[in-house]
Amino acid sequence: MSVYMIKGDAKINGEVSISGSKNSALPIIAACILNAGTTTLYNVPNIKDTNGMFNILKDLGCIINKKGKKIVIDSSKINKFQIDEKLMSKMRSSVIIAGALLGRFRKAVFSYPGGCEIGARPIDLHINGFKKLGINIDESTGYIVCKCDKIVPSEIQLDFPSVGATENLILASVFSDGETIIRNVAMEPEIVDLQNFLNKMGAKVSGAGSNVIKVVGVKRLKEISYTIMPDRIEAGTFLVYTAMTGGKINLQNVNTEHILPVISKLEEAGCKIFKEKNEIVLNAPKRLKAIDIQTFPYPGFPTDMQSIFLSMLSVARGTSVVTENIFENRFKCVPELIKMGAHISISGSSAIIKGTKRLIGKDVTATDLRGGAANAAPPLIGAALKAKGVACINNCEFVERGYENLEYKLKKLDVDIIKQRGLRFETEEKKSSSE
């Protein structure tokens, strides 16, 4: 267990550089399987999820060498096509490896993926898409066994613009014998980054960033070097922390275009924001104004930022409404925020937040990943920054799945934070009540 002890009444001030994107790195790491040689990646975030993906690739037979932010992946010696169930159960995004295996080897065996507890996220879209590509699916053994003689070019209509299904179908189609058209796809920047990566290797993918993607099959790929884009969720997280504390921050290594919905809502709440292509400066007011938010697929407001904004609005002036339109169970941090003095009620898919001036440092616990990282731990961290006294946040190991060096970066920004592993801190309140 990782535990954060945070002293409240903080005021963020300083400069921070944003790490490489988790949600971009994971499919790109999986896509390295398509190249029968070596691929060199830069700016890969050193987090549990990327290391988990590396472990799966190693188990399949890949050789991986790490030198700081430089990662060299040699996939020439892959010798198995079943994704280890234990390794896969640790993160839902591991299902993307199936598309890469199918693309290169025409076979893949895997179990249902694990990961964040954010409601029903079936992989039916992935399976149905694979079937359209001529892949035979057998689920009678308790595993998902996928095989085919060749990938059949097809037109695929997704029922929902799923990021994972979009990525999986792109990867599976790279070596087809014709053109595959995928409609109603996800339009996230991470999809564009995957397209750019594949095309640099010699693939022919077009349309990323729109709702229709075309993949024209090629015979082979080449060895390349590639730099992962900045993490837009990490960037948004630091902007919100600064807004909550009435501080000032300079973000470096950030793509402003990727977080315009977040910037727009922060400006609506009263923040002054200076934007350049790779830099953002935010000046926060003494107290934020209430705003309403609805999550939507990109380019709408990101669901991964919903809970941390909910935390922020708990200390804004007035009443805010946050509506979650993407996933179920993304209000799991609410009971813990209420424990810290937030006034939040849930009505269906909406949270109604009546702002209060101060929160109170308490002993609280994070749950799942960006349901734990962006939707449990960081919102609680944000609340702790604004609270009176000291807050103890348990289960912060989830942060390490999605955020690189969060504790270190917060310390650079004048936050009094201590991390301890394997030990549960107790707040003074809890100590006194037990005596």
Protein backbone atom coordinates (compact mmCIF):
# COMPACT_ATOMS: atom_id res chain seq x y z
CA MET A 1 0.00 0.00 0.00
CA SER A 2 1.16 3.53 -0.80
CA VAL A 3 0.01 6.31 1.49
CA TYR A 4 0.20 10.07 0.95
CA MET A 5 0.24 12.49 3.86
CA ILE A 6 -0.54 16.01 2.60
CA LYS A 7 -0.53 19.26 4.56
CA GLY A 8 -3.42 21.49 3.55
CA ASP A 9 -3.64 25.21 2.80
CA ALA A 10 -1.18 24.68 -0.04
CA LYS A 11 -0.67 27.15 -2.86
CA ILE A 12 0.84 25.67 -5.99
CA ASN A 13 3.57 27.75 -7.55
CA GLY A 14 6.22 26.92 -10.09
CA GLU A 15 6.98 25.07 -13.31
CA VAL A 16 6.48 21.42 -14.21
CA SER A 17 7.22 19.36 -17.32
CA ILE A 18 4.48 16.96 -18.44
CA SER A 19 5.44 13.31 -18.96
CA GLY A 20 4.70 11.15 -21.98
CA SER A 21 1.11 10.04 -22.45
CA LYS A 22 0.07 6.80 -20.75
CA ASN A 23 -2.89 6.34 -23.10
CA SER A 24 -0.66 6.87 -26.11
CA ALA A 25 2.27 4.77 -24.92
CA LEU A 26 0.23 1.63 -24.22
CA PRO A 27 -1.15 1.03 -27.75
CA ILE A 28 2.16 2.08 -29.30
CA ILE A 29 4.04 -0.43 -27.13
CA ALA A 30 1.56 -3.11 -28.24
CA ALA A 31 1.99 -2.02 -31.88
CA CYS A 32 5.72 -2.75 -31.66
CA ILE A 33 4.73 -6.42 -32.01
CA LEU A 34 3.85 -5.70 -35.65
CA ASN A 35 7.49 -4.89 -36.43
CA ALA A 36 9.57 -8.06 -36.72
CA GLY A 37 12.72 -6.11 -35.81
CA THR A 38 13.53 -3.42 -33.23
CA THR A 39 11.61 -0.27 -32.35
CA THR A 40 13.01 2.58 -30.26
CA LEU A 41 10.60 4.66 -28.16
CA TYR A 42 11.29 7.93 -26.33
CA ASN A 43 9.33 9.79 -23.65
CA VAL A 44 7.65 6.61 -22.39
CA PRO A 45 6.30 7.35 -18.89
CA ASN A 46 7.83 5.16 -16.19
CA ILE A 47 4.57 4.00 -14.60
CA LYS A 48 3.04 0.70 -13.56
CA ASP A 49 0.82 0.39 -16.64
CA THR A 50 3.66 0.77 -19.16
CA ASN A 51 5.82 -1.61 -17.14
CA GLY A 52 2.88 -4.04 -17.10
CA MET A 53 2.69 -3.85 -20.88
CA PHE A 54 6.45 -4.48 -21.12
CA ASN A 55 6.05 -7.56 -18.92
CA ILE A 56 3.41 -8.97 -21.27
CA LEU A 57 5.65 -8.40 -24.28
CA LYS A 58 8.57 -10.06 -22.50
CA ASP A 59 6.38 -13.06 -21.73
CA LEU A 60 5.54 -13.32 -25.44
CA GLY A 61 9.26 -13.42 -26.29
CA CYS A 62 10.19 -9.76 -26.87
CA ILE A 63 13.53 -8.41 -25.68
CA ILE A 64 13.27 -5.00 -24.02
CA ASN A 65 16.14 -2.71 -23.06
CA LYS A 66 15.55 0.46 -21.04
CA LYS A 67 17.90 3.41 -20.80
CA GLY A 68 16.08 6.25 -19.07
CA LYS A 69 13.36 7.51 -21.39
CA LYS A 70 14.79 5.43 -24.26
CA ILE A 71 13.16 2.02 -24.69
CA VAL A 72 14.31 -0.48 -27.34
CA ILE A 73 11.85 -3.30 -28.13
CA ASP A 74 12.98 -6.30 -30.19
CA SER A 75 9.94 -8.34 -31.23
CA SER A 76 11.74 -10.64 -33.68
CA LYS A 77 11.70 -13.59 -31.29
CA ILE A 78 8.05 -13.74 -30.26
CA ASN A 79 7.32 -17.44 -29.64
CA LYS A 80 3.85 -17.56 -28.10
CA PHE A 81 0.45 -16.11 -28.89
CA GLN A 82 -1.43 -16.47 -25.61
CA ILE A 83 -1.42 -13.43 -23.38
CA ASP A 84 -0.68 -14.48 -19.80
CA GLU A 85 -3.93 -14.32 -17.82
CA LYS A 86 -2.32 -13.06 -14.61
CA LEU A 87 -0.45 -10.27 -16.39
CA MET A 88 -3.50 -9.33 -18.43
CA SER A 89 -5.78 -9.18 -15.39
CA LYS A 90 -3.80 -6.23 -14.02
CA MET A 91 -4.90 -3.75 -16.70
CA ARG A 92 -7.75 -3.52 -19.16
CA SER A 93 -5.73 -1.89 -21.93
CA SER A 94 -3.72 -5.10 -22.37
CA VAL A 95 -6.46 -6.32 -24.72
CA ILE A 96 -4.86 -4.13 -27.41
CA ILE A 97 -2.07 -6.70 -27.69
CA ALA A 98 -4.60 -9.08 -29.26
CA GLY A 99 -4.97 -6.85 -32.32
CA ALA A 100 -1.20 -6.66 -32.79
CA LEU A 101 -0.79 -10.45 -32.50
CA LEU A 102 -3.64 -11.01 -34.96
CA GLY A 103 -2.18 -8.48 -37.35
CA ARG A 104 1.24 -10.13 -37.48
CA PHE A 105 0.58 -13.81 -36.68
CA ARG A 106 -3.16 -14.29 -37.41
CA LYS A 107 -3.73 -15.77 -33.96
CA ALA A 108 -4.20 -14.63 -30.39
CA VAL A 109 -5.51 -16.19 -27.20
CA PHE A 110 -6.49 -14.08 -24.23
CA SER A 111 -8.81 -13.78 -21.25
CA TYR A 112 -11.12 -10.90 -20.42
CA PRO A 113 -8.93 -7.96 -19.36
CA GLY A 114 -8.81 -6.45 -15.88
CA GLY A 115 -8.10 -2.91 -14.73
CA CYS A 116 -10.26 -0.01 -13.64
CA GLU A 117 -13.56 -0.53 -11.91
CA ILE A 118 -15.57 2.03 -13.82
CA GLY A 119 -18.66 0.08 -14.76
CA ALA A 120 -19.52 -2.11 -17.69
CA ARG A 121 -16.85 -1.96 -20.38
CA PRO A 122 -17.41 -5.13 -22.41
CA ILE A 123 -15.08 -5.95 -25.28
CA ASP A 124 -17.92 -6.91 -27.60
CA LEU A 125 -16.95 -4.08 -29.93
CA HIS A 126 -13.47 -5.59 -30.26
CA ILE A 127 -14.80 -9.13 -30.84
CA ASN A 128 -17.45 -8.08 -33.36
CA GLY A 129 -14.86 -6.03 -35.24
CA PHE A 130 -12.46 -8.99 -35.35
CA LYS A 131 -15.23 -11.14 -36.81
CA LYS A 132 -15.77 -8.57 -39.58
CA LEU A 133 -12.07 -8.98 -40.44
CA GLY A 134 -12.58 -12.71 -41.01
CA ILE A 135 -11.21 -13.79 -37.64
CA ASN A 136 -12.77 -16.88 -36.07
CA ILE A 137 -13.62 -16.46 -32.38
CA ASP A 138 -14.02 -19.37 -29.95
CA GLU A 139 -15.01 -18.61 -26.33
CA SER A 140 -16.00 -22.16 -25.34
CA THR A 141 -12.84 -22.82 -23.29
CA GLY A 142 -13.18 -19.79 -21.03
CA TYR A 143 -10.58 -17.99 -23.11
CA ILE A 144 -11.06 -15.92 -26.25
CA VAL A 145 -9.32 -17.88 -29.00
CA CYS A 146 -8.86 -15.90 -32.21
CA LYS A 147 -7.54 -17.45 -35.44
CA CYS A 148 -7.69 -16.85 -39.16
CA ASP A 149 -5.83 -17.67 -42.37
CA LYS A 150 -5.81 -14.02 -43.45
CA ILE A 151 -7.20 -10.67 -42.42
CA VAL A 152 -10.13 -9.87 -44.70
CA PRO A 153 -10.51 -6.17 -45.61
CA SER A 154 -13.88 -4.96 -44.48
CA GLU A 155 -16.10 -2.01 -43.60
CA ILE A 156 -16.77 -1.85 -39.86
CA GLN A 157 -19.30 0.35 -38.06
CA LEU A 158 -18.63 0.71 -34.34
CA ASP A 159 -21.71 1.03 -32.15
CA PHE A 160 -19.78 3.41 -29.90
CA PRO A 161 -16.53 5.33 -30.54
CA SER A 162 -14.46 3.07 -28.28
CA VAL A 163 -10.79 4.02 -28.04
CA GLY A 164 -9.64 0.45 -27.38
CA ALA A 165 -11.72 -1.09 -30.16
CA THR A 166 -10.51 1.57 -32.60
CA GLU A 167 -6.89 0.81 -31.72
CA ASN A 168 -7.35 -2.97 -31.84
CA LEU A 169 -8.98 -2.93 -35.26
CA ILE A 170 -6.30 -0.64 -36.70
CA LEU A 171 -3.55 -2.96 -35.45
CA ALA A 172 -5.28 -6.07 -36.75
CA SER A 173 -5.70 -4.50 -40.22
CA VAL A 174 -2.16 -3.30 -40.89
CA PHE A 175 -1.16 -6.40 -42.93
CA SER A 176 -4.50 -7.10 -44.64
CA ASP A 177 -4.76 -7.65 -48.39
CA GLY A 178 -6.76 -4.53 -49.09
CA GLU A 179 -8.51 -1.52 -47.55
CA THR A 180 -10.38 -1.61 -44.26
CA ILE A 181 -12.73 1.25 -43.37
CA ILE A 182 -13.71 1.73 -39.71
CA ARG A 183 -16.56 4.16 -39.02
CA ASN A 184 -17.70 5.91 -35.82
CA VAL A 185 -14.19 5.57 -34.41
CA ALA A 186 -12.69 7.36 -31.42
CA MET A 187 -11.12 10.70 -32.33
CA GLU A 188 -8.77 11.11 -29.35
CA PRO A 189 -5.27 12.55 -29.87
CA GLU A 190 -3.86 9.19 -28.77
CA ILE A 191 -5.39 7.61 -31.90
CA VAL A 192 -3.60 10.23 -34.01
CA ASP A 193 -0.34 9.43 -32.21
CA LEU A 194 -0.81 5.72 -32.95
CA GLN A 195 -1.49 6.49 -36.62
CA ASN A 196 1.64 8.66 -36.85
CA PHE A 197 3.70 5.89 -35.24
CA LEU A 198 2.40 3.18 -37.58
CA ASN A 199 2.82 5.31 -40.69
CA LYS A 200 6.41 6.11 -39.74
CA MET A 201 6.97 2.32 -39.65
CA GLY A 202 5.52 2.03 -43.15
CA ALA A 203 1.83 1.37 -42.51
CA LYS A 204 -0.89 3.16 -44.47
CA VAL A 205 -3.41 4.52 -41.97
CA SER A 206 -5.44 7.68 -42.60
CA GLY A 207 -8.31 9.57 -41.00
CA ALA A 208 -7.23 9.52 -37.35
CA GLY A 209 -8.75 12.51 -35.58
CA SER A 210 -11.94 12.15 -37.65
CA ASN A 211 -14.75 9.60 -37.22
CA VAL A 212 -13.64 7.44 -40.16
CA ILE A 213 -10.28 5.64 -40.37
CA LYS A 214 -8.94 3.80 -43.42
CA VAL A 215 -6.22 1.15 -43.24
CA VAL A 216 -4.61 -0.06 -46.46
CA GLY A 217 -2.67 -3.25 -45.84
CA VAL A 218 1.08 -3.39 -46.41
CA LYS A 219 3.52 -6.30 -46.66
CA ARG A 220 6.11 -5.26 -44.06
CA LEU A 221 7.14 -2.57 -41.59
CA LYS A 222 10.53 -1.04 -40.83
CA GLU A 223 12.57 -0.23 -37.74
CA ILE A 224 12.06 3.32 -36.43
CA SER A 225 12.50 5.66 -33.48
CA TYR A 226 9.45 7.51 -32.13
CA THR A 227 8.67 10.01 -29.37
CA ILE A 228 5.43 9.60 -27.36
CA MET A 229 3.19 12.68 -27.12
CA PRO A 230 2.64 14.51 -23.77
CA ASP A 231 -0.05 13.29 -21.37
CA ARG A 232 -3.11 15.55 -21.60
CA ILE A 233 -4.69 14.09 -18.44
CA GLU A 234 -1.59 14.82 -16.36
CA ALA A 235 -1.55 18.35 -17.78
CA GLY A 236 -5.19 18.84 -16.84
CA THR A 237 -4.56 17.47 -13.36
CA PHE A 238 -1.86 20.03 -12.58
CA LEU A 239 -3.97 22.85 -13.97
CA VAL A 240 -6.86 21.86 -11.69
CA TYR A 241 -4.61 21.58 -8.62
CA THR A 242 -3.35 25.08 -9.30
CA ALA A 243 -6.88 26.40 -9.81
CA MET A 244 -8.03 24.85 -6.51
CA THR A 245 -5.22 26.38 -4.50
CA GLY A 246 -5.30 29.87 -6.01
CA GLY A 247 -1.78 29.44 -7.35
CA LYS A 248 0.22 29.95 -10.52
CA ILE A 249 1.80 27.29 -12.72
CA ASN A 250 3.83 27.05 -15.92
CA LEU A 251 3.34 23.75 -17.78
CA GLN A 252 6.08 22.71 -20.18
CA ASN A 253 6.01 19.90 -22.77
CA VAL A 254 2.24 20.09 -23.20
CA ASN A 255 0.10 20.10 -26.35
CA THR A 256 -2.40 22.90 -25.77
CA GLU A 257 -4.72 21.70 -28.55
CA HIS A 258 -5.31 18.42 -26.74
CA ILE A 259 -6.83 20.00 -23.61
CA LEU A 260 -8.89 22.88 -24.97
CA PRO A 261 -12.12 21.64 -23.31
CA VAL A 262 -10.33 21.58 -19.94
CA ILE A 263 -8.83 25.04 -20.50
CA SER A 264 -12.22 26.42 -21.52
CA LYS A 265 -13.88 25.20 -18.31
CA LEU A 266 -11.07 26.53 -16.13
CA GLU A 267 -11.42 29.94 -17.79
CA GLU A 268 -15.17 29.79 -17.21
CA ALA A 269 -14.43 29.12 -13.52
CA GLY A 270 -12.35 32.33 -13.35
CA CYS A 271 -8.76 31.31 -14.21
CA LYS A 272 -6.51 33.44 -16.41
CA ILE A 273 -4.68 31.22 -18.91
CA PHE A 274 -1.88 32.04 -21.33
CA LYS A 275 -1.48 29.47 -24.11
CA GLU A 276 1.28 28.67 -26.55
CA LYS A 277 1.70 25.47 -28.57
CA ASN A 278 3.84 23.66 -25.99
CA GLU A 279 3.37 25.84 -22.90
CA ILE A 280 0.50 26.86 -20.65
CA VAL A 281 0.57 29.42 -17.83
CA LEU A 282 -2.39 29.50 -15.42
CA ASN A 283 -3.14 32.16 -12.82
CA ALA A 284 -5.93 31.18 -10.46
CA PRO A 285 -8.33 33.56 -8.66
CA LYS A 286 -8.71 33.54 -4.89
CA ARG A 287 -11.90 31.53 -5.31
CA LEU A 288 -13.35 29.76 -8.32
CA LYS A 289 -16.86 30.18 -9.72
CA ALA A 290 -19.33 27.30 -10.04
CA ILE A 291 -19.68 25.77 -13.53
CA ASP A 292 -21.55 22.88 -15.16
CA ILE A 293 -19.76 20.06 -16.97
CA GLN A 294 -20.84 17.17 -19.18
CA THR A 295 -18.41 14.47 -20.33
CA PHE A 296 -18.38 13.42 -23.98
CA PRO A 297 -16.06 11.52 -26.32
CA TYR A 298 -13.20 13.63 -27.69
CA PRO A 299 -13.25 16.52 -28.60
CA GLY A 300 -15.73 16.90 -25.75
CA PHE A 301 -14.83 17.22 -22.08
CA PRO A 302 -12.79 14.11 -21.10
CA THR A 303 -14.30 11.58 -18.72
CA ASP A 304 -10.84 11.07 -17.20
CA MET A 305 -10.97 14.66 -15.89
CA GLN A 306 -14.48 14.48 -14.50
CA SER A 307 -13.74 13.45 -10.91
CA ILE A 308 -10.88 15.85 -10.37
CA PHE A 309 -13.09 18.72 -11.58
CA LEU A 310 -15.75 17.47 -9.18
CA SER A 311 -13.19 17.85 -6.40
CA MET A 312 -12.27 21.33 -7.60
CA LEU A 313 -15.89 22.49 -7.75
CA SER A 314 -16.46 21.38 -4.15
CA VAL A 315 -14.58 24.55 -3.12
CA ALA A 316 -16.03 26.86 -5.79
CA ARG A 317 -18.54 29.64 -5.09
CA GLY A 318 -22.09 28.45 -5.91
CA THR A 319 -23.65 25.20 -7.13
CA SER A 320 -22.20 23.11 -9.96
CA VAL A 321 -23.54 20.08 -11.83
CA VAL A 322 -21.22 17.43 -13.30
CA THR A 323 -22.83 14.87 -15.64
CA GLU A 324 -21.04 11.67 -16.65
CA ASN A 325 -22.14 10.46 -20.11
CA ILE A 326 -19.40 7.89 -20.83
CA PHE A 327 -18.88 5.41 -17.99
CA GLU A 328 -20.76 4.10 -14.99
CA ASN A 329 -19.32 4.19 -11.48
CA ARG A 330 -17.19 7.28 -11.99
CA PHE A 331 -18.38 8.97 -8.80
CA LYS A 332 -16.58 6.53 -6.48
CA CYS A 333 -14.53 9.27 -4.89
CA VAL A 334 -17.67 11.15 -3.73
CA PRO A 335 -18.09 9.42 -0.32
CA GLU A 336 -14.45 10.20 0.51
CA LEU A 337 -14.82 13.82 -0.61
CA ILE A 338 -17.95 14.11 1.56
CA LYS A 339 -15.91 12.79 4.48
CA MET A 340 -13.60 15.76 3.90
CA GLY A 341 -16.49 18.23 4.06
CA ALA A 342 -17.65 18.44 0.44
CA HIS A 343 -21.38 18.92 -0.20
CA ILE A 344 -22.13 16.53 -3.06
CA SER A 345 -25.28 14.60 -3.94
CA ILE A 346 -25.76 12.10 -6.76
CA SER A 347 -28.81 12.05 -9.03
CA GLY A 348 -28.59 9.43 -11.76
CA SER A 349 -25.56 10.23 -13.91
CA SER A 350 -25.12 13.71 -12.39
CA ALA A 351 -23.36 15.03 -9.30
CA ILE A 352 -24.67 18.24 -7.72
CA ILE A 353 -21.94 20.11 -5.87
CA LYS A 354 -22.61 22.97 -3.45
CA GLY A 355 -19.32 24.72 -2.98
CA THR A 356 -17.77 25.34 0.41
CA LYS A 357 -14.83 27.58 1.32
CA ARG A 358 -12.85 24.94 3.16
CA LEU A 359 -12.43 21.21 3.32
CA ILE A 360 -11.03 19.26 6.27
CA GLY A 361 -8.03 16.94 6.30
CA LYS A 362 -9.22 13.37 6.91
CA ASP A 363 -8.13 9.75 6.63
CA VAL A 364 -9.51 8.70 3.20
CA THR A 365 -8.99 5.89 0.71
CA ALA A 366 -8.68 5.90 -3.09
CA THR A 367 -10.35 3.17 -5.11
CA ASP A 368 -9.63 2.28 -8.75
CA LEU A 369 -7.42 3.91 -11.46
CA ARG A 370 -8.37 6.99 -13.27
CA GLY A 371 -11.09 5.77 -11.20
CA GLY A 372 -8.21 5.65 -8.73
CA ALA A 373 -5.60 7.83 -10.25
CA ALA A 374 -7.62 10.47 -12.02
CA ASN A 375 -10.91 9.64 -10.43
CA ALA A 376 -10.08 8.73 -6.86
CA ALA A 377 -6.58 9.55 -5.69
CA PRO A 378 -5.94 12.84 -7.56
CA PRO A 379 -9.34 14.27 -6.61
CA LEU A 380 -8.57 13.39 -3.00
CA ILE A 381 -5.10 14.87 -3.39
CA GLY A 382 -6.69 18.04 -4.74
CA ALA A 383 -9.10 18.15 -1.81
CA ALA A 384 -6.18 17.65 0.59
CA LEU A 385 -4.35 20.63 -0.93
CA LYS A 386 -7.34 22.83 -0.13
CA ALA A 387 -8.16 21.30 3.28
CA LYS A 388 -7.55 22.56 6.78
CA GLY A 389 -5.00 20.38 8.53
CA VAL A 390 -3.38 17.18 7.28
CA ALA A 391 -5.03 14.60 5.06
CA CYS A 392 -4.04 10.95 4.84
CA ILE A 393 -4.80 9.31 1.47
CA ASN A 394 -4.52 5.53 1.38
CA ASN A 395 -4.20 3.22 -1.66
CA CYS A 396 -2.21 5.77 -3.63
CA GLU A 397 -0.40 3.02 -5.51
CA PHE A 398 -3.10 3.57 -8.14
CA VAL A 399 -1.47 6.90 -8.87
CA GLU A 400 1.63 5.05 -10.01
CA ARG A 401 -0.40 3.32 -12.71
CA GLY A 402 -1.15 6.55 -14.51
CA TYR A 403 1.09 9.36 -13.23
CA GLU A 404 4.87 9.55 -13.38
CA ASN A 405 6.56 11.00 -10.29
CA LEU A 406 3.44 12.82 -9.07
CA GLU A 407 4.78 13.15 -5.53
CA TYR A 408 8.12 14.58 -6.74
CA LYS A 409 6.42 17.07 -9.07
CA LEU A 410 4.08 18.27 -6.31
CA LYS A 411 7.04 18.84 -4.01
CA LYS A 412 8.64 21.00 -6.72
CA LEU A 413 5.44 23.05 -6.68
CA ASP A 414 5.71 23.83 -2.94
CA VAL A 415 3.35 21.07 -1.74
CA ASP A 416 4.14 19.48 1.63
CA ILE A 417 3.63 15.79 0.76
CA ILE A 418 5.11 12.57 2.16
CA LYS A 419 4.73 9.12 0.60
CA GLN A 420 5.11 5.95 2.60
CA ARG A 421 4.84 2.37 1.37
CA GLY A 422 3.35 -0.52 3.29
CA LEU A 423 2.16 1.58 6.19
CA ARG A 424 -1.15 3.29 6.86
CA PHE A 425 -0.76 6.74 8.31
CA GLU A 426 -3.25 7.99 10.81
CA THR A 427 -4.42 11.55 11.06
CA GLU A 428 -4.33 13.25 14.44
CA GLU A 429 -8.13 13.04 14.52
CA LYS A 430 -8.08 9.28 14.06
CA LYS A 431 -5.35 8.83 16.66
CA SER A 432 -7.22 10.82 19.28
CA SER A 433 -10.49 8.98 18.66
CA SER A 434 -8.82 5.63 19.20
CA GLU A 435 -7.18 6.65 22.49
